[in-house]
Amino acid sequence: MVRAWLGMLRLAIAFPVIVLATALILLAAPLPITLRGVRLSAWFTTWASRLAMFLFNIRYRAVNAEQFWNHPGFVFANHIS
């Protein structure tokens, strides 16, 4: 029963966070502002994703983290698994 309440609490917190993050991303998308060479809207996307992972207690582990950071190309994951 407690797990069900915690799940509902997480959803109640996550919904406004997702709405706010979406609004920030859409408002920042046309702006030509960059931080460390990355558009502001992409930073909002990263922050929102990290917050969602925290709220839903999602953990991840990179097996070859150095290989990932030294990769010269673009890395796109279609899911976290």
PDB file of N, CA and C in Angstrom:
ATOM      1  N   MET A   1       0.813  -1.191   0.000  1.00  0.00           N
ATOM      2  CA  MET A   1       0.000   0.000   0.000  1.00  0.00           C
ATOM      3  C   MET A   1       0.866   1.268   0.000  1.00  0.00           C
ATOM      4  N   VAL A   2       1.948   1.225   0.771  1.00  0.00           N
ATOM      5  CA  VAL A   2       2.848   2.382   0.824  1.00  0.00           C
ATOM      6  C   VAL A   2       3.499   2.612  -0.534  1.00  0.00           C
ATOM      7  N   ARG A   3       3.844   1.532  -1.227  1.00  0.00           N
ATOM      8  CA  ARG A   3       4.469   1.683  -2.555  1.00  0.00           C
ATOM      9  C   ARG A   3       3.504   2.344  -3.528  1.00  0.00           C
ATOM     10  N   ALA A   4       2.223   2.027  -3.413  1.00  0.00           N
ATOM     11  CA  ALA A   4       1.228   2.651  -4.296  1.00  0.00           C
ATOM     12  C   ALA A   4       1.142   4.149  -4.026  1.00  0.00           C
ATOM     13  N   TRP A   5       1.172   4.549  -2.763  1.00  0.00           N
ATOM     14  CA  TRP A   5       1.142   5.965  -2.419  1.00  0.00           C
ATOM     15  C   TRP A   5       2.396   6.679  -2.899  1.00  0.00           C
ATOM     16  N   LEU A   6       3.545   6.030  -2.739  1.00  0.00           N
ATOM     17  CA  LEU A   6       4.788   6.639  -3.230  1.00  0.00           C
ATOM     18  C   LEU A   6       4.762   6.796  -4.744  1.00  0.00           C
ATOM     19  N   GLY A   7       4.218   5.814  -5.435  1.00  0.00           N
ATOM     20  CA  GLY A   7       4.092   5.908  -6.886  1.00  0.00           C
ATOM     21  C   GLY A   7       3.195   7.059  -7.304  1.00  0.00           C
ATOM     22  N   MET A   8       2.081   7.209  -6.606  1.00  0.00           N
ATOM     23  CA  MET A   8       1.172   8.324  -6.920  1.00  0.00           C
ATOM     24  C   MET A   8       1.820   9.670  -6.597  1.00  0.00           C
ATOM     25  N   LEU A   9       2.582   9.726  -5.516  1.00  0.00           N
ATOM     26  CA  LEU A   9       3.293  10.960  -5.169  1.00  0.00           C
ATOM     27  C   LEU A   9       4.320  11.313  -6.233  1.00  0.00           C
ATOM     28  N   ARG A  10       5.056  10.302  -6.691  1.00  0.00           N
ATOM     29  CA  ARG A  10       6.045  10.556  -7.748  1.00  0.00           C
ATOM     30  C   ARG A  10       5.378  11.069  -9.012  1.00  0.00           C
ATOM     31  N   LEU A  11       4.247  10.473  -9.381  1.00  0.00           N
ATOM     32  CA  LEU A  11       3.528  10.941 -10.570  1.00  0.00           C
ATOM     33  C   LEU A  11       2.998  12.359 -10.375  1.00  0.00           C
ATOM     34  N   ALA A  12       2.507  12.656  -9.168  1.00  0.00           N
ATOM     35  CA  ALA A  12       1.996  13.995  -8.886  1.00  0.00           C
ATOM     36  C   ALA A  12       3.107  15.039  -8.971  1.00  0.00           C
ATOM     37  N   ILE A  13       4.315  14.671  -8.610  1.00  0.00           N
ATOM     38  CA  ILE A  13       5.447  15.593  -8.717  1.00  0.00           C
ATOM     39  C   ILE A  13       5.959  15.649 -10.149  1.00  0.00           C
ATOM     40  N   ALA A  14       5.980  14.509 -10.821  1.00  0.00           N
ATOM     41  CA  ALA A  14       6.548  14.437 -12.164  1.00  0.00           C
ATOM     42  C   ALA A  14       5.723  15.199 -13.191  1.00  0.00           C
ATOM     43  N   PHE A  15       4.410  15.180 -13.078  1.00  0.00           N
ATOM     44  CA  PHE A  15       3.579  15.835 -14.086  1.00  0.00           C
ATOM     45  C   PHE A  15       3.873  17.332 -14.203  1.00  0.00           C
ATOM     46  N   PRO A  16       3.869  18.097 -13.101  1.00  0.00           N
ATOM     47  CA  PRO A  16       4.205  19.526 -13.253  1.00  0.00           C
ATOM     48  C   PRO A  16       5.635  19.758 -13.722  1.00  0.00           C
ATOM     49  N   VAL A  17       6.550  18.876 -13.305  1.00  0.00           N
ATOM     50  CA  VAL A  17       7.939  19.007 -13.748  1.00  0.00           C
ATOM     51  C   VAL A  17       8.022  18.824 -15.261  1.00  0.00           C
ATOM     52  N   ILE A  18       7.323  17.846 -15.790  1.00  0.00           N
ATOM     53  CA  ILE A  18       7.342  17.595 -17.237  1.00  0.00           C
ATOM     54  C   ILE A  18       6.709  18.759 -17.989  1.00  0.00           C
ATOM     55  N   VAL A  19       5.605  19.288 -17.474  1.00  0.00           N
ATOM     56  CA  VAL A  19       4.950  20.427 -18.124  1.00  0.00           C
ATOM     57  C   VAL A  19       5.873  21.651 -18.110  1.00  0.00           C
ATOM     58  N   LEU A  20       6.499  21.926 -16.967  1.00  0.00           N
ATOM     59  CA  LEU A  20       7.418  23.067 -16.864  1.00  0.00           C
ATOM     60  C   LEU A  20       8.627  22.889 -17.778  1.00  0.00           C
ATOM     61  N   ALA A  21       9.208  21.693 -17.783  1.00  0.00           N
ATOM     62  CA  ALA A  21      10.372  21.435 -18.640  1.00  0.00           C
ATOM     63  C   ALA A  21      10.009  21.593 -20.110  1.00  0.00           C
ATOM     64  N   THR A  22       8.848  21.101 -20.495  1.00  0.00           N
ATOM     65  CA  THR A  22       8.417  21.239 -21.890  1.00  0.00           C
ATOM     66  C   THR A  22       8.265  22.707 -22.264  1.00  0.00           C
ATOM     67  N   ALA A  23       7.665  23.487 -21.372  1.00  0.00           N
ATOM     68  CA  ALA A  23       7.503  24.917 -21.645  1.00  0.00           C
ATOM     69  C   ALA A  23       8.860  25.606 -21.780  1.00  0.00           C
ATOM     70  N   LEU A  24       9.796  25.281 -20.879  1.00  0.00           N
ATOM     71  CA  LEU A  24      11.128  25.893 -20.948  1.00  0.00           C
ATOM     72  C   LEU A  24      11.856  25.502 -22.231  1.00  0.00           C
ATOM     73  N   ILE A  25      11.746  24.249 -22.615  1.00  0.00           N
ATOM     74  CA  ILE A  25      12.411  23.790 -23.840  1.00  0.00           C
ATOM     75  C   ILE A  25      11.838  24.500 -25.058  1.00  0.00           C
ATOM     76  N   LEU A  26      10.501  24.597 -25.125  1.00  0.00           N
ATOM     77  CA  LEU A  26       9.878  25.253 -26.274  1.00  0.00           C
ATOM     78  C   LEU A  26      10.172  26.752 -26.315  1.00  0.00           C
ATOM     79  N   LEU A  27      10.241  27.386 -25.158  1.00  0.00           N
ATOM     80  CA  LEU A  27      10.557  28.813 -25.135  1.00  0.00           C
ATOM     81  C   LEU A  27      12.027  29.075 -25.467  1.00  0.00           C
ATOM     82  N   ALA A  28      12.914  28.166 -25.062  1.00  0.00           N
ATOM     83  CA  ALA A  28      14.347  28.372 -25.286  1.00  0.00           C
ATOM     84  C   ALA A  28      14.799  27.920 -26.676  1.00  0.00           C
ATOM     85  N   ALA A  29      14.003  27.114 -27.348  1.00  0.00           N
ATOM     86  CA  ALA A  29      14.420  26.557 -28.645  1.00  0.00           C
ATOM     87  C   ALA A  29      14.771  27.627 -29.690  1.00  0.00           C
ATOM     88  N   PRO A  30      13.992  28.678 -29.851  1.00  0.00           N
ATOM     89  CA  PRO A  30      14.364  29.662 -30.884  1.00  0.00           C
ATOM     90  C   PRO A  30      15.482  30.628 -30.469  1.00  0.00           C
ATOM     91  N   LEU A  31      15.859  30.627 -29.206  1.00  0.00           N
ATOM     92  CA  LEU A  31      16.892  31.554 -28.744  1.00  0.00           C
ATOM     93  C   LEU A  31      18.287  31.076 -29.154  1.00  0.00           C
ATOM     94  N   PRO A  32      19.143  31.977 -29.604  1.00  0.00           N
ATOM     95  CA  PRO A  32      20.492  31.587 -30.025  1.00  0.00           C
ATOM     96  C   PRO A  32      21.502  31.555 -28.869  1.00  0.00           C
ATOM     97  N   ILE A  33      21.054  31.158 -27.687  1.00  0.00           N
ATOM     98  CA  ILE A  33      21.920  31.134 -26.503  1.00  0.00           C
ATOM     99  C   ILE A  33      22.553  29.751 -26.372  1.00  0.00           C
ATOM    100  N   THR A  34      23.872  29.735 -26.143  1.00  0.00           N
ATOM    101  CA  THR A  34      24.568  28.462 -25.935  1.00  0.00           C
ATOM    102  C   THR A  34      25.373  28.520 -24.637  1.00  0.00           C
ATOM    103  N   LEU A  35      25.472  27.398 -23.987  1.00  0.00           N
ATOM    104  CA  LEU A  35      26.321  27.231 -22.804  1.00  0.00           C
ATOM    105  C   LEU A  35      27.316  26.135 -23.123  1.00  0.00           C
ATOM    106  N   ARG A  36      28.599  26.469 -23.091  1.00  0.00           N
ATOM    107  CA  ARG A  36      29.672  25.528 -23.428  1.00  0.00           C
ATOM    108  C   ARG A  36      29.438  24.874 -24.791  1.00  0.00           C
ATOM    109  N   GLY A  37      28.943  25.647 -25.731  1.00  0.00           N
ATOM    110  CA  GLY A  37      28.758  25.173 -27.093  1.00  0.00           C
ATOM    111  C   GLY A  37      27.488  24.382 -27.338  1.00  0.00           C
ATOM    112  N   VAL A  38      26.596  24.299 -26.348  1.00  0.00           N
ATOM    113  CA  VAL A  38      25.353  23.533 -26.491  1.00  0.00           C
ATOM    114  C   VAL A  38      24.184  24.488 -26.295  1.00  0.00           C
ATOM    115  N   ARG A  39      23.166  24.346 -27.153  1.00  0.00           N
ATOM    116  CA  ARG A  39      22.000  25.234 -27.078  1.00  0.00           C
ATOM    117  C   ARG A  39      21.305  25.120 -25.721  1.00  0.00           C
ATOM    118  N   LEU A  40      20.724  26.216 -25.291  1.00  0.00           N
ATOM    119  CA  LEU A  40      20.050  26.286 -24.001  1.00  0.00           C
ATOM    120  C   LEU A  40      18.914  25.266 -23.897  1.00  0.00           C
ATOM    121  N   SER A  41      18.183  25.076 -24.964  1.00  0.00           N
ATOM    122  CA  SER A  41      17.075  24.110 -24.932  1.00  0.00           C
ATOM    123  C   SER A  41      17.581  22.685 -24.681  1.00  0.00           C
ATOM    124  N   ALA A  42      18.760  22.364 -25.159  1.00  0.00           N
ATOM    125  CA  ALA A  42      19.327  21.031 -24.910  1.00  0.00           C
ATOM    126  C   ALA A  42      19.713  20.870 -23.442  1.00  0.00           C
ATOM    127  N   TRP A  43      20.162  21.955 -22.815  1.00  0.00           N
ATOM    128  CA  TRP A  43      20.467  21.892 -21.385  1.00  0.00           C
ATOM    129  C   TRP A  43      19.202  21.637 -20.581  1.00  0.00           C
ATOM    130  N   PHE A  44      18.106  22.308 -20.938  1.00  0.00           N
ATOM    131  CA  PHE A  44      16.840  22.068 -20.240  1.00  0.00           C
ATOM    132  C   PHE A  44      16.397  20.617 -20.405  1.00  0.00           C
ATOM    133  N   THR A  45      16.614  20.062 -21.580  1.00  0.00           N
ATOM    134  CA  THR A  45      16.259  18.661 -21.820  1.00  0.00           C
ATOM    135  C   THR A  45      17.081  17.742 -20.927  1.00  0.00           C
ATOM    136  N   THR A  46      18.364  18.013 -20.816  1.00  0.00           N
ATOM    137  CA  THR A  46      19.240  17.195 -19.967  1.00  0.00           C
ATOM    138  C   THR A  46      18.828  17.299 -18.502  1.00  0.00           C
ATOM    139  N   TRP A  47      18.577  18.510 -18.036  1.00  0.00           N
ATOM    140  CA  TRP A  47      18.187  18.701 -16.632  1.00  0.00           C
ATOM    141  C   TRP A  47      16.858  17.997 -16.334  1.00  0.00           C
ATOM    142  N   ALA A  48      15.909  18.115 -17.258  1.00  0.00           N
ATOM    143  CA  ALA A  48      14.604  17.477 -17.053  1.00  0.00           C
ATOM    144  C   ALA A  48      14.741  15.953 -17.029  1.00  0.00           C
ATOM    145  N   SER A  49      15.581  15.414 -17.896  1.00  0.00           N
ATOM    146  CA  SER A  49      15.797  13.968 -17.917  1.00  0.00           C
ATOM    147  C   SER A  49      16.429  13.482 -16.625  1.00  0.00           C
ATOM    148  N   ARG A  50      17.411  14.215 -16.140  1.00  0.00           N
ATOM    149  CA  ARG A  50      18.059  13.826 -14.880  1.00  0.00           C
ATOM    150  C   ARG A  50      17.100  13.924 -13.702  1.00  0.00           C
ATOM    151  N   LEU A  51      16.271  14.945 -13.697  1.00  0.00           N
ATOM    152  CA  LEU A  51      15.291  15.076 -12.631  1.00  0.00           C
ATOM    153  C   LEU A  51      14.255  13.950 -12.686  1.00  0.00           C
ATOM    154  N   ALA A  52      13.816  13.599 -13.885  1.00  0.00           N
ATOM    155  CA  ALA A  52      12.860  12.494 -14.028  1.00  0.00           C
ATOM    156  C   ALA A  52      13.479  11.179 -13.571  1.00  0.00           C
ATOM    157  N   MET A  53      14.742  10.959 -13.899  1.00  0.00           N
ATOM    158  CA  MET A  53      15.411   9.736 -13.447  1.00  0.00           C
ATOM    159  C   MET A  53      15.514   9.711 -11.931  1.00  0.00           C
ATOM    160  N   PHE A  54      15.751  10.862 -11.308  1.00  0.00           N
ATOM    161  CA  PHE A  54      15.804  10.930  -9.850  1.00  0.00           C
ATOM    162  C   PHE A  54      14.426  10.656  -9.243  1.00  0.00           C
ATOM    163  N   LEU A  55      13.388  11.303  -9.811  1.00  0.00           N
ATOM    164  CA  LEU A  55      12.036  11.133  -9.280  1.00  0.00           C
ATOM    165  C   LEU A  55      11.555   9.691  -9.366  1.00  0.00           C
ATOM    166  N   PHE A  56      11.880   9.018 -10.453  1.00  0.00           N
ATOM    167  CA  PHE A  56      11.414   7.642 -10.646  1.00  0.00           C
ATOM    168  C   PHE A  56      12.435   6.609 -10.188  1.00  0.00           C
ATOM    169  N   ASN A  57      13.480   7.073  -9.502  1.00  0.00           N
ATOM    170  CA  ASN A  57      14.486   6.190  -8.907  1.00  0.00           C
ATOM    171  C   ASN A  57      15.118   5.259  -9.952  1.00  0.00           C
ATOM    172  N   ILE A  58      15.466   5.833 -11.082  1.00  0.00           N
ATOM    173  CA  ILE A  58      16.116   5.077 -12.156  1.00  0.00           C
ATOM    174  C   ILE A  58      17.620   5.239 -12.001  1.00  0.00           C
ATOM    175  N   ARG A  59      18.321   4.137 -11.954  1.00  0.00           N
ATOM    176  CA  ARG A  59      19.781   4.141 -11.834  1.00  0.00           C
ATOM    177  C   ARG A  59      20.379   3.626 -13.137  1.00  0.00           C
ATOM    178  N   TYR A  60      21.531   4.132 -13.487  1.00  0.00           N
ATOM    179  CA  TYR A  60      22.231   3.646 -14.675  1.00  0.00           C
ATOM    180  C   TYR A  60      23.704   3.491 -14.352  1.00  0.00           C
ATOM    181  N   ARG A  61      24.343   2.649 -15.139  1.00  0.00           N
ATOM    182  CA  ARG A  61      25.768   2.393 -14.940  1.00  0.00           C
ATOM    183  C   ARG A  61      26.406   2.274 -16.320  1.00  0.00           C
ATOM    184  N   ALA A  62      27.441   3.042 -16.536  1.00  0.00           N
ATOM    185  CA  ALA A  62      28.175   2.979 -17.801  1.00  0.00           C
ATOM    186  C   ALA A  62      29.329   2.000 -17.637  1.00  0.00           C
ATOM    187  N   VAL A  63      29.354   0.961 -18.459  1.00  0.00           N
ATOM    188  CA  VAL A  63      30.400  -0.056 -18.361  1.00  0.00           C
ATOM    189  C   VAL A  63      31.738   0.502 -18.832  1.00  0.00           C
ATOM    190  N   ASN A  64      31.746   1.164 -19.979  1.00  0.00           N
ATOM    191  CA  ASN A  64      32.974   1.751 -20.542  1.00  0.00           C
ATOM    192  C   ASN A  64      32.803   3.265 -20.640  1.00  0.00           C
ATOM    193  N   ALA A  65      32.775   3.931 -19.512  1.00  0.00           N
ATOM    194  CA  ALA A  65      32.489   5.366 -19.501  1.00  0.00           C
ATOM    195  C   ALA A  65      33.547   6.175 -20.266  1.00  0.00           C
ATOM    196  N   GLU A  66      34.811   5.818 -20.129  1.00  0.00           N
ATOM    197  CA  GLU A  66      35.864   6.569 -20.838  1.00  0.00           C
ATOM    198  C   GLU A  66      35.725   6.421 -22.346  1.00  0.00           C
ATOM    199  N   GLN A  67      35.367   5.250 -22.796  1.00  0.00           N
ATOM    200  CA  GLN A  67      35.177   5.026 -24.227  1.00  0.00           C
ATOM    201  C   GLN A  67      34.024   5.885 -24.742  1.00  0.00           C
ATOM    202  N   PHE A  68      32.983   6.033 -23.949  1.00  0.00           N
ATOM    203  CA  PHE A  68      31.842   6.868 -24.324  1.00  0.00           C
ATOM    204  C   PHE A  68      32.253   8.336 -24.442  1.00  0.00           C
ATOM    205  N   TRP A  69      32.964   8.858 -23.441  1.00  0.00           N
ATOM    206  CA  TRP A  69      33.330  10.264 -23.451  1.00  0.00           C
ATOM    207  C   TRP A  69      34.363  10.594 -24.521  1.00  0.00           C
ATOM    208  N   ASN A  70      35.192   9.637 -24.924  1.00  0.00           N
ATOM    209  CA  ASN A  70      36.209   9.878 -25.943  1.00  0.00           C
ATOM    210  C   ASN A  70      35.715   9.590 -27.356  1.00  0.00           C
ATOM    211  N   HIS A  71      34.476   9.182 -27.504  1.00  0.00           N
ATOM    212  CA  HIS A  71      33.922   8.877 -28.825  1.00  0.00           C
ATOM    213  C   HIS A  71      33.791  10.169 -29.633  1.00  0.00           C
ATOM    214  N   PRO A  72      34.333  10.200 -30.860  1.00  0.00           N
ATOM    215  CA  PRO A  72      34.335  11.447 -31.626  1.00  0.00           C
ATOM    216  C   PRO A  72      33.010  11.753 -32.304  1.00  0.00           C
ATOM    217  N   GLY A  73      32.086  10.803 -32.360  1.00  0.00           N
ATOM    218  CA  GLY A  73      30.835  11.014 -33.094  1.00  0.00           C
ATOM    219  C   GLY A  73      29.666  11.311 -32.203  1.00  0.00           C
ATOM    220  N   PHE A  74      28.496  11.114 -32.755  1.00  0.00           N
ATOM    221  CA  PHE A  74      27.238  11.387 -32.071  1.00  0.00           C
ATOM    222  C   PHE A  74      26.700  10.074 -31.516  1.00  0.00           C
ATOM    223  N   VAL A  75      26.305  10.074 -30.249  1.00  0.00           N
ATOM    224  CA  VAL A  75      25.730   8.891 -29.628  1.00  0.00           C
ATOM    225  C   VAL A  75      24.273   9.185 -29.307  1.00  0.00           C
ATOM    226  N   PHE A  76      23.381   8.315 -29.774  1.00  0.00           N
ATOM    227  CA  PHE A  76      21.942   8.489 -29.536  1.00  0.00           C
ATOM    228  C   PHE A  76      21.383   7.170 -29.054  1.00  0.00           C
ATOM    229  N   ALA A  77      20.803   7.179 -27.870  1.00  0.00           N
ATOM    230  CA  ALA A  77      20.180   5.970 -27.331  1.00  0.00           C
ATOM    231  C   ALA A  77      18.673   6.101 -27.484  1.00  0.00           C
ATOM    232  N   ASN A  78      18.055   5.056 -28.009  1.00  0.00           N
ATOM    233  CA  ASN A  78      16.600   5.127 -28.165  1.00  0.00           C
ATOM    234  C   ASN A  78      15.869   4.639 -26.927  1.00  0.00           C
ATOM    235  N   HIS A  79      16.605   4.108 -25.950  1.00  0.00           N
ATOM    236  CA  HIS A  79      16.023   3.742 -24.669  1.00  0.00           C
ATOM    237  C   HIS A  79      17.159   3.585 -23.656  1.00  0.00           C
ATOM    238  N   ILE A  80      16.836   3.607 -22.385  1.00  0.00           N
ATOM    239  CA  ILE A  80      17.863   3.592 -21.345  1.00  0.00           C
ATOM    240  C   ILE A  80      18.494   2.214 -21.172  1.00  0.00           C
ATOM    241  N   SER A  81      17.766   1.170 -21.467  1.00  0.00           N
ATOM    242  CA  SER A  81      18.313  -0.181 -21.235  1.00  0.00           C
ATOM    243  C   SER A  81      19.529  -0.412 -22.087  1.00  0.00           C
TER     244      SER A  81
END
